[in-house]
Amino acid sequence: MKISIDFGHPYFDEKDIFKLTPDDLNDFYGDEDAVNRLNLFFVLEASLHMLQSENSLKAAARCAFLMAYYLYIALTPPASWELAKYYINRAVELDETPEYNQWKKLIDEGN
């Protein structure tokens, strides 16, 4: 899925969250400038809050997983491990899937 930042609609809805893949995040990171790379994280954060408020827990879990992945693999800001660990734990808490558990083990090992 081609990701774009829309300040008029600064979040992903449930349908789009399930379409997003880690490869989409990697492609976005590779194609965009530093500002949009950071903006994507904030769009994901806004999406997580929106999905949780709508009680769309599986979609919120997917969003938290994508945030953990993006922080840990692509963005790697200061404290990326701690932040990724927080979001992957949130994903597993909301929807314990084999994919999320596998990433939790990987992230728990550290950078």
PDB file of N, CA and C in Angstrom:
ATOM      1  N   MET A   1       0.849  -1.177   0.000  1.00  0.00           N
ATOM      2  CA  MET A   1       0.000   0.000   0.000  1.00  0.00           C
ATOM      3  C   MET A   1       0.893   1.238   0.000  1.00  0.00           C
ATOM      4  N   LYS A   2       0.600   2.150  -0.841  1.00  0.00           N
ATOM      5  CA  LYS A   2       1.340   3.411  -0.903  1.00  0.00           C
ATOM      6  C   LYS A   2       0.867   4.312   0.235  1.00  0.00           C
ATOM      7  N   ILE A   3       1.786   4.723   1.091  1.00  0.00           N
ATOM      8  CA  ILE A   3       1.468   5.567   2.237  1.00  0.00           C
ATOM      9  C   ILE A   3       1.631   7.031   1.846  1.00  0.00           C
ATOM     10  N   SER A   4       0.664   7.837   2.262  1.00  0.00           N
ATOM     11  CA  SER A   4       0.801   9.284   2.097  1.00  0.00           C
ATOM     12  C   SER A   4       0.312   9.954   3.377  1.00  0.00           C
ATOM     13  N   ILE A   5       0.904  11.093   3.676  1.00  0.00           N
ATOM     14  CA  ILE A   5       0.533  11.876   4.848  1.00  0.00           C
ATOM     15  C   ILE A   5      -0.498  12.906   4.417  1.00  0.00           C
ATOM     16  N   ASP A   6      -1.649  12.901   5.075  1.00  0.00           N
ATOM     17  CA  ASP A   6      -2.722  13.844   4.765  1.00  0.00           C
ATOM     18  C   ASP A   6      -3.063  14.586   6.050  1.00  0.00           C
ATOM     19  N   PHE A   7      -2.651  15.853   6.148  1.00  0.00           N
ATOM     20  CA  PHE A   7      -2.889  16.629   7.362  1.00  0.00           C
ATOM     21  C   PHE A   7      -4.376  16.889   7.596  1.00  0.00           C
ATOM     22  N   GLY A   8      -5.199  16.762   6.583  1.00  0.00           N
ATOM     23  CA  GLY A   8      -6.637  16.894   6.744  1.00  0.00           C
ATOM     24  C   GLY A   8      -7.286  15.643   7.306  1.00  0.00           C
ATOM     25  N   HIS A   9      -6.588  14.535   7.211  1.00  0.00           N
ATOM     26  CA  HIS A   9      -7.065  13.228   7.702  1.00  0.00           C
ATOM     27  C   HIS A   9      -5.835  12.510   8.276  1.00  0.00           C
ATOM     28  N   PRO A  10      -5.337  12.968   9.442  1.00  0.00           N
ATOM     29  CA  PRO A  10      -4.033  12.521   9.947  1.00  0.00           C
ATOM     30  C   PRO A  10      -4.046  11.206  10.723  1.00  0.00           C
ATOM     31  N   TYR A  11      -4.730  10.222  10.190  1.00  0.00           N
ATOM     32  CA  TYR A  11      -4.737   8.899  10.807  1.00  0.00           C
ATOM     33  C   TYR A  11      -5.146   7.868   9.765  1.00  0.00           C
ATOM     34  N   PHE A  12      -4.872   6.621  10.087  1.00  0.00           N
ATOM     35  CA  PHE A  12      -5.302   5.512   9.244  1.00  0.00           C
ATOM     36  C   PHE A  12      -6.540   4.905   9.873  1.00  0.00           C
ATOM     37  N   ASP A  13      -7.536   4.613   9.056  1.00  0.00           N
ATOM     38  CA  ASP A  13      -8.714   3.950   9.605  1.00  0.00           C
ATOM     39  C   ASP A  13      -8.451   2.451   9.705  1.00  0.00           C
ATOM     40  N   GLU A  14      -9.382   1.748  10.279  1.00  0.00           N
ATOM     41  CA  GLU A  14      -9.224   0.317  10.549  1.00  0.00           C
ATOM     42  C   GLU A  14      -8.876  -0.463   9.282  1.00  0.00           C
ATOM     43  N   LYS A  15      -9.572  -0.192   8.206  1.00  0.00           N
ATOM     44  CA  LYS A  15      -9.346  -0.906   6.942  1.00  0.00           C
ATOM     45  C   LYS A  15      -7.907  -0.713   6.463  1.00  0.00           C
ATOM     46  N   ASP A  16      -7.419   0.514   6.523  1.00  0.00           N
ATOM     47  CA  ASP A  16      -6.066   0.805   6.044  1.00  0.00           C
ATOM     48  C   ASP A  16      -4.990   0.227   6.958  1.00  0.00           C
ATOM     49  N   ILE A  17      -5.238   0.208   8.256  1.00  0.00           N
ATOM     50  CA  ILE A  17      -4.248  -0.364   9.189  1.00  0.00           C
ATOM     51  C   ILE A  17      -3.988  -1.824   8.847  1.00  0.00           C
ATOM     52  N   PHE A  18      -5.039  -2.559   8.499  1.00  0.00           N
ATOM     53  CA  PHE A  18      -4.853  -3.974   8.166  1.00  0.00           C
ATOM     54  C   PHE A  18      -4.206  -4.172   6.800  1.00  0.00           C
ATOM     55  N   LYS A  19      -4.252  -3.164   5.943  1.00  0.00           N
ATOM     56  CA  LYS A  19      -3.575  -3.245   4.643  1.00  0.00           C
ATOM     57  C   LYS A  19      -2.075  -2.958   4.756  1.00  0.00           C
ATOM     58  N   LEU A  20      -1.694  -2.147   5.742  1.00  0.00           N
ATOM     59  CA  LEU A  20      -0.286  -1.754   5.892  1.00  0.00           C
ATOM     60  C   LEU A  20       0.588  -2.930   6.292  1.00  0.00           C
ATOM     61  N   THR A  21       1.762  -2.978   5.695  1.00  0.00           N
ATOM     62  CA  THR A  21       2.732  -4.019   6.028  1.00  0.00           C
ATOM     63  C   THR A  21       4.047  -3.363   6.449  1.00  0.00           C
ATOM     64  N   PRO A  22       4.903  -4.114   7.111  1.00  0.00           N
ATOM     65  CA  PRO A  22       6.236  -3.580   7.406  1.00  0.00           C
ATOM     66  C   PRO A  22       6.977  -3.132   6.144  1.00  0.00           C
ATOM     67  N   ASP A  23       6.801  -3.836   5.044  1.00  0.00           N
ATOM     68  CA  ASP A  23       7.443  -3.414   3.790  1.00  0.00           C
ATOM     69  C   ASP A  23       6.955  -2.042   3.340  1.00  0.00           C
ATOM     70  N   ASP A  24       5.668  -1.760   3.547  1.00  0.00           N
ATOM     71  CA  ASP A  24       5.139  -0.432   3.210  1.00  0.00           C
ATOM     72  C   ASP A  24       5.836   0.642   4.041  1.00  0.00           C
ATOM     73  N   LEU A  25       6.053   0.357   5.322  1.00  0.00           N
ATOM     74  CA  LEU A  25       6.753   1.308   6.189  1.00  0.00           C
ATOM     75  C   LEU A  25       8.190   1.499   5.722  1.00  0.00           C
ATOM     76  N   ASN A  26       8.853   0.420   5.360  1.00  0.00           N
ATOM     77  CA  ASN A  26      10.228   0.510   4.858  1.00  0.00           C
ATOM     78  C   ASN A  26      10.292   1.338   3.579  1.00  0.00           C
ATOM     79  N   ASP A  27       9.354   1.096   2.671  1.00  0.00           N
ATOM     80  CA  ASP A  27       9.324   1.853   1.414  1.00  0.00           C
ATOM     81  C   ASP A  27       9.116   3.339   1.681  1.00  0.00           C
ATOM     82  N   PHE A  28       8.189   3.651   2.569  1.00  0.00           N
ATOM     83  CA  PHE A  28       7.935   5.049   2.912  1.00  0.00           C
ATOM     84  C   PHE A  28       9.198   5.686   3.483  1.00  0.00           C
ATOM     85  N   TYR A  29       9.828   5.000   4.410  1.00  0.00           N
ATOM     86  CA  TYR A  29      11.044   5.520   5.035  1.00  0.00           C
ATOM     87  C   TYR A  29      12.125   5.793   3.985  1.00  0.00           C
ATOM     88  N   GLY A  30      12.271   4.896   3.033  1.00  0.00           N
ATOM     89  CA  GLY A  30      13.283   5.055   1.993  1.00  0.00           C
ATOM     90  C   GLY A  30      12.979   6.151   0.995  1.00  0.00           C
ATOM     91  N   ASP A  31      11.701   6.431   0.792  1.00  0.00           N
ATOM     92  CA  ASP A  31      11.292   7.392  -0.232  1.00  0.00           C
ATOM     93  C   ASP A  31      11.098   8.819   0.274  1.00  0.00           C
ATOM     94  N   GLU A  32      10.926   8.993   1.574  1.00  0.00           N
ATOM     95  CA  GLU A  32      10.525  10.297   2.110  1.00  0.00           C
ATOM     96  C   GLU A  32      11.673  11.038   2.780  1.00  0.00           C
ATOM     97  N   ASP A  33      11.435  12.334   3.011  1.00  0.00           N
ATOM     98  CA  ASP A  33      12.419  13.147   3.723  1.00  0.00           C
ATOM     99  C   ASP A  33      12.282  12.934   5.232  1.00  0.00           C
ATOM    100  N   ALA A  34      13.204  13.504   5.978  1.00  0.00           N
ATOM    101  CA  ALA A  34      13.264  13.295   7.424  1.00  0.00           C
ATOM    102  C   ALA A  34      11.988  13.749   8.127  1.00  0.00           C
ATOM    103  N   VAL A  35      11.401  14.837   7.690  1.00  0.00           N
ATOM    104  CA  VAL A  35      10.194  15.346   8.342  1.00  0.00           C
ATOM    105  C   VAL A  35       9.040  14.368   8.161  1.00  0.00           C
ATOM    106  N   ASN A  36       8.823  13.899   6.954  1.00  0.00           N
ATOM    107  CA  ASN A  36       7.724  12.961   6.725  1.00  0.00           C
ATOM    108  C   ASN A  36       7.975  11.610   7.386  1.00  0.00           C
ATOM    109  N   ARG A  37       9.226  11.221   7.508  1.00  0.00           N
ATOM    110  CA  ARG A  37       9.532   9.986   8.236  1.00  0.00           C
ATOM    111  C   ARG A  37       9.037  10.089   9.666  1.00  0.00           C
ATOM    112  N   LEU A  38       9.256  11.244  10.287  1.00  0.00           N
ATOM    113  CA  LEU A  38       8.756  11.466  11.648  1.00  0.00           C
ATOM    114  C   LEU A  38       7.238  11.637  11.654  1.00  0.00           C
ATOM    115  N   ASN A  39       6.712  12.340  10.665  1.00  0.00           N
ATOM    116  CA  ASN A  39       5.267  12.540  10.599  1.00  0.00           C
ATOM    117  C   ASN A  39       4.515  11.217  10.556  1.00  0.00           C
ATOM    118  N   LEU A  40       5.067  10.226   9.874  1.00  0.00           N
ATOM    119  CA  LEU A  40       4.401   8.925   9.807  1.00  0.00           C
ATOM    120  C   LEU A  40       4.227   8.335  11.202  1.00  0.00           C
ATOM    121  N   PHE A  41       5.239   8.467  12.037  1.00  0.00           N
ATOM    122  CA  PHE A  41       5.100   7.958  13.397  1.00  0.00           C
ATOM    123  C   PHE A  41       3.922   8.633  14.105  1.00  0.00           C
ATOM    124  N   PHE A  42       3.791   9.937  13.955  1.00  0.00           N
ATOM    125  CA  PHE A  42       2.709  10.650  14.631  1.00  0.00           C
ATOM    126  C   PHE A  42       1.339  10.312  14.040  1.00  0.00           C
ATOM    127  N   VAL A  43       1.282  10.032  12.760  1.00  0.00           N
ATOM    128  CA  VAL A  43       0.028   9.571  12.159  1.00  0.00           C
ATOM    129  C   VAL A  43      -0.345   8.202  12.742  1.00  0.00           C
ATOM    130  N   LEU A  44       0.641   7.334  12.887  1.00  0.00           N
ATOM    131  CA  LEU A  44       0.378   6.031  13.512  1.00  0.00           C
ATOM    132  C   LEU A  44      -0.068   6.206  14.965  1.00  0.00           C
ATOM    133  N   GLU A  45       0.577   7.110  15.684  1.00  0.00           N
ATOM    134  CA  GLU A  45       0.197   7.375  17.080  1.00  0.00           C
ATOM    135  C   GLU A  45      -1.245   7.878  17.166  1.00  0.00           C
ATOM    136  N   ALA A  46      -1.609   8.819  16.316  1.00  0.00           N
ATOM    137  CA  ALA A  46      -2.986   9.325  16.291  1.00  0.00           C
ATOM    138  C   ALA A  46      -3.958   8.203  15.929  1.00  0.00           C
ATOM    139  N   SER A  47      -3.551   7.351  15.025  1.00  0.00           N
ATOM    140  CA  SER A  47      -4.391   6.215  14.623  1.00  0.00           C
ATOM    141  C   SER A  47      -4.612   5.263  15.788  1.00  0.00           C
ATOM    142  N   LEU A  48      -3.561   4.995  16.534  1.00  0.00           N
ATOM    143  CA  LEU A  48      -3.672   4.110  17.688  1.00  0.00           C
ATOM    144  C   LEU A  48      -4.695   4.656  18.684  1.00  0.00           C
ATOM    145  N   HIS A  49      -4.586   5.931  18.996  1.00  0.00           N
ATOM    146  CA  HIS A  49      -5.526   6.538  19.943  1.00  0.00           C
ATOM    147  C   HIS A  49      -6.955   6.492  19.412  1.00  0.00           C
ATOM    148  N   MET A  50      -7.133   6.794  18.137  1.00  0.00           N
ATOM    149  CA  MET A  50      -8.461   6.773  17.535  1.00  0.00           C
ATOM    150  C   MET A  50      -9.052   5.368  17.582  1.00  0.00           C
ATOM    151  N   LEU A  51      -8.265   4.377  17.185  1.00  0.00           N
ATOM    152  CA  LEU A  51      -8.753   3.001  17.141  1.00  0.00           C
ATOM    153  C   LEU A  51      -9.093   2.486  18.542  1.00  0.00           C
ATOM    154  N   GLN A  52      -8.272   2.839  19.518  1.00  0.00           N
ATOM    155  CA  GLN A  52      -8.575   2.428  20.891  1.00  0.00           C
ATOM    156  C   GLN A  52      -9.859   3.090  21.379  1.00  0.00           C
ATOM    157  N   SER A  53     -10.051   4.369  21.057  1.00  0.00           N
ATOM    158  CA  SER A  53     -11.262   5.067  21.499  1.00  0.00           C
ATOM    159  C   SER A  53     -12.511   4.500  20.840  1.00  0.00           C
ATOM    160  N   GLU A  54     -12.355   3.942  19.652  1.00  0.00           N
ATOM    161  CA  GLU A  54     -13.473   3.303  18.945  1.00  0.00           C
ATOM    162  C   GLU A  54     -13.641   1.842  19.342  1.00  0.00           C
ATOM    163  N   ASN A  55     -12.806   1.376  20.254  1.00  0.00           N
ATOM    164  CA  ASN A  55     -12.811  -0.010  20.731  1.00  0.00           C
ATOM    165  C   ASN A  55     -12.524  -1.012  19.606  1.00  0.00           C
ATOM    166  N   SER A  56     -11.749  -0.585  18.609  1.00  0.00           N
ATOM    167  CA  SER A  56     -11.298  -1.463  17.528  1.00  0.00           C
ATOM    168  C   SER A  56      -9.959  -2.064  17.955  1.00  0.00           C
ATOM    169  N   LEU A  57     -10.030  -3.029  18.866  1.00  0.00           N
ATOM    170  CA  LEU A  57      -8.829  -3.501  19.545  1.00  0.00           C
ATOM    171  C   LEU A  57      -7.877  -4.274  18.642  1.00  0.00           C
ATOM    172  N   LYS A  58      -8.391  -5.075  17.716  1.00  0.00           N
ATOM    173  CA  LYS A  58      -7.496  -5.797  16.801  1.00  0.00           C
ATOM    174  C   LYS A  58      -6.768  -4.816  15.878  1.00  0.00           C
ATOM    175  N   ALA A  59      -7.469  -3.793  15.431  1.00  0.00           N
ATOM    176  CA  ALA A  59      -6.836  -2.775  14.588  1.00  0.00           C
ATOM    177  C   ALA A  59      -5.842  -1.951  15.406  1.00  0.00           C
ATOM    178  N   ALA A  60      -6.188  -1.640  16.648  1.00  0.00           N
ATOM    179  CA  ALA A  60      -5.265  -0.920  17.522  1.00  0.00           C
ATOM    180  C   ALA A  60      -4.010  -1.750  17.758  1.00  0.00           C
ATOM    181  N   ALA A  61      -4.178  -3.045  17.943  1.00  0.00           N
ATOM    182  CA  ALA A  61      -3.025  -3.934  18.126  1.00  0.00           C
ATOM    183  C   ALA A  61      -2.141  -3.922  16.883  1.00  0.00           C
ATOM    184  N   ARG A  62      -2.755  -3.982  15.728  1.00  0.00           N
ATOM    185  CA  ARG A  62      -1.987  -3.942  14.473  1.00  0.00           C
ATOM    186  C   ARG A  62      -1.215  -2.628  14.366  1.00  0.00           C
ATOM    187  N   CYS A  63      -1.862  -1.541  14.736  1.00  0.00           N
ATOM    188  CA  CYS A  63      -1.225  -0.232  14.696  1.00  0.00           C
ATOM    189  C   CYS A  63      -0.045  -0.193  15.671  1.00  0.00           C
ATOM    190  N   ALA A  64      -0.234  -0.696  16.879  1.00  0.00           N
ATOM    191  CA  ALA A  64       0.850  -0.724  17.865  1.00  0.00           C
ATOM    192  C   ALA A  64       2.009  -1.584  17.364  1.00  0.00           C
ATOM    193  N   PHE A  65       1.702  -2.702  16.727  1.00  0.00           N
ATOM    194  CA  PHE A  65       2.753  -3.536  16.131  1.00  0.00           C
ATOM    195  C   PHE A  65       3.523  -2.758  15.067  1.00  0.00           C
ATOM    196  N   LEU A  66       2.798  -2.080  14.182  1.00  0.00           N
ATOM    197  CA  LEU A  66       3.458  -1.309  13.126  1.00  0.00           C
ATOM    198  C   LEU A  66       4.327  -0.203  13.716  1.00  0.00           C
ATOM    199  N   MET A  67       3.865   0.406  14.785  1.00  0.00           N
ATOM    200  CA  MET A  67       4.659   1.440  15.445  1.00  0.00           C
ATOM    201  C   MET A  67       5.938   0.850  16.023  1.00  0.00           C
ATOM    202  N   ALA A  68       5.813  -0.300  16.680  1.00  0.00           N
ATOM    203  CA  ALA A  68       6.995  -0.957  17.239  1.00  0.00           C
ATOM    204  C   ALA A  68       7.989  -1.290  16.135  1.00  0.00           C
ATOM    205  N   TYR A  69       7.493  -1.850  15.054  1.00  0.00           N
ATOM    206  CA  TYR A  69       8.358  -2.205  13.927  1.00  0.00           C
ATOM    207  C   TYR A  69       9.053  -0.953  13.376  1.00  0.00           C
ATOM    208  N   TYR A  70       8.273   0.083  13.121  1.00  0.00           N
ATOM    209  CA  TYR A  70       8.810   1.303  12.514  1.00  0.00           C
ATOM    210  C   TYR A  70       9.869   1.939  13.412  1.00  0.00           C
ATOM    211  N   LEU A  71       9.610   1.978  14.699  1.00  0.00           N
ATOM    212  CA  LEU A  71      10.585   2.540  15.637  1.00  0.00           C
ATOM    213  C   LEU A  71      11.857   1.704  15.691  1.00  0.00           C
ATOM    214  N   TYR A  72      11.713   0.407  15.735  1.00  0.00           N
ATOM    215  CA  TYR A  72      12.838  -0.497  15.961  1.00  0.00           C
ATOM    216  C   TYR A  72      13.680  -0.737  14.708  1.00  0.00           C
ATOM    217  N   ILE A  73      13.030  -0.829  13.561  1.00  0.00           N
ATOM    218  CA  ILE A  73      13.731  -1.198  12.321  1.00  0.00           C
ATOM    219  C   ILE A  73      14.071   0.009  11.457  1.00  0.00           C
ATOM    220  N   ALA A  74      13.131   0.876  11.213  1.00  0.00           N
ATOM    221  CA  ALA A  74      13.354   1.966  10.249  1.00  0.00           C
ATOM    222  C   ALA A  74      13.790   3.265  10.925  1.00  0.00           C
ATOM    223  N   LEU A  75      12.969   3.785  11.784  1.00  0.00           N
ATOM    224  CA  LEU A  75      13.187   5.128  12.325  1.00  0.00           C
ATOM    225  C   LEU A  75      14.379   5.198  13.281  1.00  0.00           C
ATOM    226  N   THR A  76      14.486   4.281  14.175  1.00  0.00           N
ATOM    227  CA  THR A  76      15.552   4.165  15.185  1.00  0.00           C
ATOM    228  C   THR A  76      15.941   5.488  15.855  1.00  0.00           C
ATOM    229  N   PRO A  77      14.964   6.153  16.494  1.00  0.00           N
ATOM    230  CA  PRO A  77      15.290   7.384  17.228  1.00  0.00           C
ATOM    231  C   PRO A  77      16.001   7.035  18.536  1.00  0.00           C
ATOM    232  N   PRO A  78      16.426   8.042  19.290  1.00  0.00           N
ATOM    233  CA  PRO A  78      16.938   7.747  20.632  1.00  0.00           C
ATOM    234  C   PRO A  78      15.868   6.978  21.416  1.00  0.00           C
ATOM    235  N   ALA A  79      16.304   6.009  22.185  1.00  0.00           N
ATOM    236  CA  ALA A  79      15.410   5.158  22.987  1.00  0.00           C
ATOM    237  C   ALA A  79      14.499   4.295  22.118  1.00  0.00           C
ATOM    238  N   SER A  80      14.930   3.976  20.897  1.00  0.00           N
ATOM    239  CA  SER A  80      14.082   3.170  20.006  1.00  0.00           C
ATOM    240  C   SER A  80      13.723   1.826  20.620  1.00  0.00           C
ATOM    241  N   TRP A  81      14.653   1.214  21.324  1.00  0.00           N
ATOM    242  CA  TRP A  81      14.373  -0.094  21.929  1.00  0.00           C
ATOM    243  C   TRP A  81      13.274   0.028  22.979  1.00  0.00           C
ATOM    244  N   GLU A  82      13.394   1.003  23.864  1.00  0.00           N
ATOM    245  CA  GLU A  82      12.404   1.176  24.914  1.00  0.00           C
ATOM    246  C   GLU A  82      11.024   1.503  24.338  1.00  0.00           C
ATOM    247  N   LEU A  83      11.010   2.368  23.340  1.00  0.00           N
ATOM    248  CA  LEU A  83       9.745   2.731  22.709  1.00  0.00           C
ATOM    249  C   LEU A  83       9.134   1.547  21.957  1.00  0.00           C
ATOM    250  N   ALA A  84       9.953   0.845  21.193  1.00  0.00           N
ATOM    251  CA  ALA A  84       9.462  -0.321  20.453  1.00  0.00           C
ATOM    252  C   ALA A  84       8.936  -1.379  21.419  1.00  0.00           C
ATOM    253  N   LYS A  85       9.637  -1.569  22.516  1.00  0.00           N
ATOM    254  CA  LYS A  85       9.213  -2.551  23.512  1.00  0.00           C
ATOM    255  C   LYS A  85       7.835  -2.169  24.076  1.00  0.00           C
ATOM    256  N   TYR A  86       7.638  -0.897  24.364  1.00  0.00           N
ATOM    257  CA  TYR A  86       6.342  -0.438  24.860  1.00  0.00           C
ATOM    258  C   TYR A  86       5.229  -0.774  23.859  1.00  0.00           C
ATOM    259  N   TYR A  87       5.435  -0.446  22.587  1.00  0.00           N
ATOM    260  CA  TYR A  87       4.381  -0.639  21.594  1.00  0.00           C
ATOM    261  C   TYR A  87       4.159  -2.106  21.254  1.00  0.00           C
ATOM    262  N   ILE A  88       5.199  -2.912  21.243  1.00  0.00           N
ATOM    263  CA  ILE A  88       4.975  -4.334  20.961  1.00  0.00           C
ATOM    264  C   ILE A  88       4.261  -4.986  22.131  1.00  0.00           C
ATOM    265  N   ASN A  89       4.579  -4.568  23.339  1.00  0.00           N
ATOM    266  CA  ASN A  89       3.839  -5.091  24.502  1.00  0.00           C
ATOM    267  C   ASN A  89       2.372  -4.698  24.427  1.00  0.00           C
ATOM    268  N   ARG A  90       2.112  -3.492  23.969  1.00  0.00           N
ATOM    269  CA  ARG A  90       0.728  -3.033  23.807  1.00  0.00           C
ATOM    270  C   ARG A  90       0.016  -3.868  22.742  1.00  0.00           C
ATOM    271  N   ALA A  91       0.693  -4.154  21.645  1.00  0.00           N
ATOM    272  CA  ALA A  91       0.099  -4.976  20.586  1.00  0.00           C
ATOM    273  C   ALA A  91      -0.282  -6.350  21.114  1.00  0.00           C
ATOM    274  N   VAL A  92       0.639  -6.983  21.836  1.00  0.00           N
ATOM    275  CA  VAL A  92       0.381  -8.325  22.385  1.00  0.00           C
ATOM    276  C   VAL A  92      -0.740  -8.277  23.420  1.00  0.00           C
ATOM    277  N   GLU A  93      -0.769  -7.219  24.209  1.00  0.00           N
ATOM    278  CA  GLU A  93      -1.827  -7.058  25.208  1.00  0.00           C
ATOM    279  C   GLU A  93      -3.204  -6.962  24.553  1.00  0.00           C
ATOM    280  N   LEU A  94      -3.276  -6.280  23.421  1.00  0.00           N
ATOM    281  CA  LEU A  94      -4.554  -6.071  22.740  1.00  0.00           C
ATOM    282  C   LEU A  94      -4.979  -7.266  21.891  1.00  0.00           C
ATOM    283  N   ASP A  95      -4.009  -7.978  21.311  1.00  0.00           N
ATOM    284  CA  ASP A  95      -4.326  -9.090  20.416  1.00  0.00           C
ATOM    285  C   ASP A  95      -3.094  -9.978  20.292  1.00  0.00           C
ATOM    286  N   GLU A  96      -3.053 -11.024  21.062  1.00  0.00           N
ATOM    287  CA  GLU A  96      -1.872 -11.884  21.098  1.00  0.00           C
ATOM    288  C   GLU A  96      -1.863 -12.812  19.885  1.00  0.00           C
ATOM    289  N   THR A  97      -1.058 -12.438  18.889  1.00  0.00           N
ATOM    290  CA  THR A  97      -0.933 -13.251  17.683  1.00  0.00           C
ATOM    291  C   THR A  97       0.485 -13.812  17.607  1.00  0.00           C
ATOM    292  N   PRO A  98       0.686 -14.877  16.841  1.00  0.00           N
ATOM    293  CA  PRO A  98       2.044 -15.401  16.671  1.00  0.00           C
ATOM    294  C   PRO A  98       3.009 -14.361  16.081  1.00  0.00           C
ATOM    295  N   GLU A  99       2.525 -13.550  15.141  1.00  0.00           N
ATOM    296  CA  GLU A  99       3.378 -12.526  14.529  1.00  0.00           C
ATOM    297  C   GLU A  99       3.855 -11.522  15.571  1.00  0.00           C
ATOM    298  N   TYR A 100       2.945 -11.032  16.392  1.00  0.00           N
ATOM    299  CA  TYR A 100       3.312 -10.044  17.403  1.00  0.00           C
ATOM    300  C   TYR A 100       4.232 -10.661  18.457  1.00  0.00           C
ATOM    301  N   ASN A 101       3.944 -11.896  18.852  1.00  0.00           N
ATOM    302  CA  ASN A 101       4.805 -12.573  19.828  1.00  0.00           C
ATOM    303  C   ASN A 101       6.204 -12.809  19.284  1.00  0.00           C
ATOM    304  N   GLN A 102       6.298 -13.140  18.005  1.00  0.00           N
ATOM    305  CA  GLN A 102       7.610 -13.334  17.377  1.00  0.00           C
ATOM    306  C   GLN A 102       8.407 -12.024  17.410  1.00  0.00           C
ATOM    307  N   TRP A 103       7.751 -10.923  17.069  1.00  0.00           N
ATOM    308  CA  TRP A 103       8.428  -9.626  17.101  1.00  0.00           C
ATOM    309  C   TRP A 103       8.754  -9.197  18.527  1.00  0.00           C
ATOM    310  N   LYS A 104       7.897  -9.558  19.468  1.00  0.00           N
ATOM    311  CA  LYS A 104       8.176  -9.242  20.871  1.00  0.00           C
ATOM    312  C   LYS A 104       9.466  -9.921  21.312  1.00  0.00           C
ATOM    313  N   LYS A 105       9.638 -11.184  20.959  1.00  0.00           N
ATOM    314  CA  LYS A 105      10.868 -11.902  21.305  1.00  0.00           C
ATOM    315  C   LYS A 105      12.084 -11.228  20.679  1.00  0.00           C
ATOM    316  N   LEU A 106      11.959 -10.840  19.426  1.00  0.00           N
ATOM    317  CA  LEU A 106      13.059 -10.188  18.730  1.00  0.00           C
ATOM    318  C   LEU A 106      13.403  -8.841  19.380  1.00  0.00           C
ATOM    319  N   ILE A 107      12.399  -8.051  19.656  1.00  0.00           N
ATOM    320  CA  ILE A 107      12.630  -6.735  20.260  1.00  0.00           C
ATOM    321  C   ILE A 107      13.178  -6.883  21.684  1.00  0.00           C
ATOM    322  N   ASP A 108      12.661  -7.858  22.430  1.00  0.00           N
ATOM    323  CA  ASP A 108      13.139  -8.078  23.788  1.00  0.00           C
ATOM    324  C   ASP A 108      14.637  -8.395  23.840  1.00  0.00           C
ATOM    325  N   GLU A 109      15.169  -8.954  22.753  1.00  0.00           N
ATOM    326  CA  GLU A 109      16.611  -9.246  22.698  1.00  0.00           C
ATOM    327  C   GLU A 109      17.456  -7.975  22.632  1.00  0.00           C
ATOM    328  N   GLY A 110      16.864  -6.872  22.205  1.00  0.00           N
ATOM    329  CA  GLY A 110      17.583  -5.596  22.130  1.00  0.00           C
ATOM    330  C   GLY A 110      18.295  -5.383  20.814  1.00  0.00           C
ATOM    331  N   ASN A 111      18.796  -4.160  20.638  1.00  0.00           N
ATOM    332  CA  ASN A 111      19.477  -3.780  19.391  1.00  0.00           C
ATOM    333  C   ASN A 111      20.850  -4.405  19.345  1.00  0.00           C
TER     334      ASN A 111
END
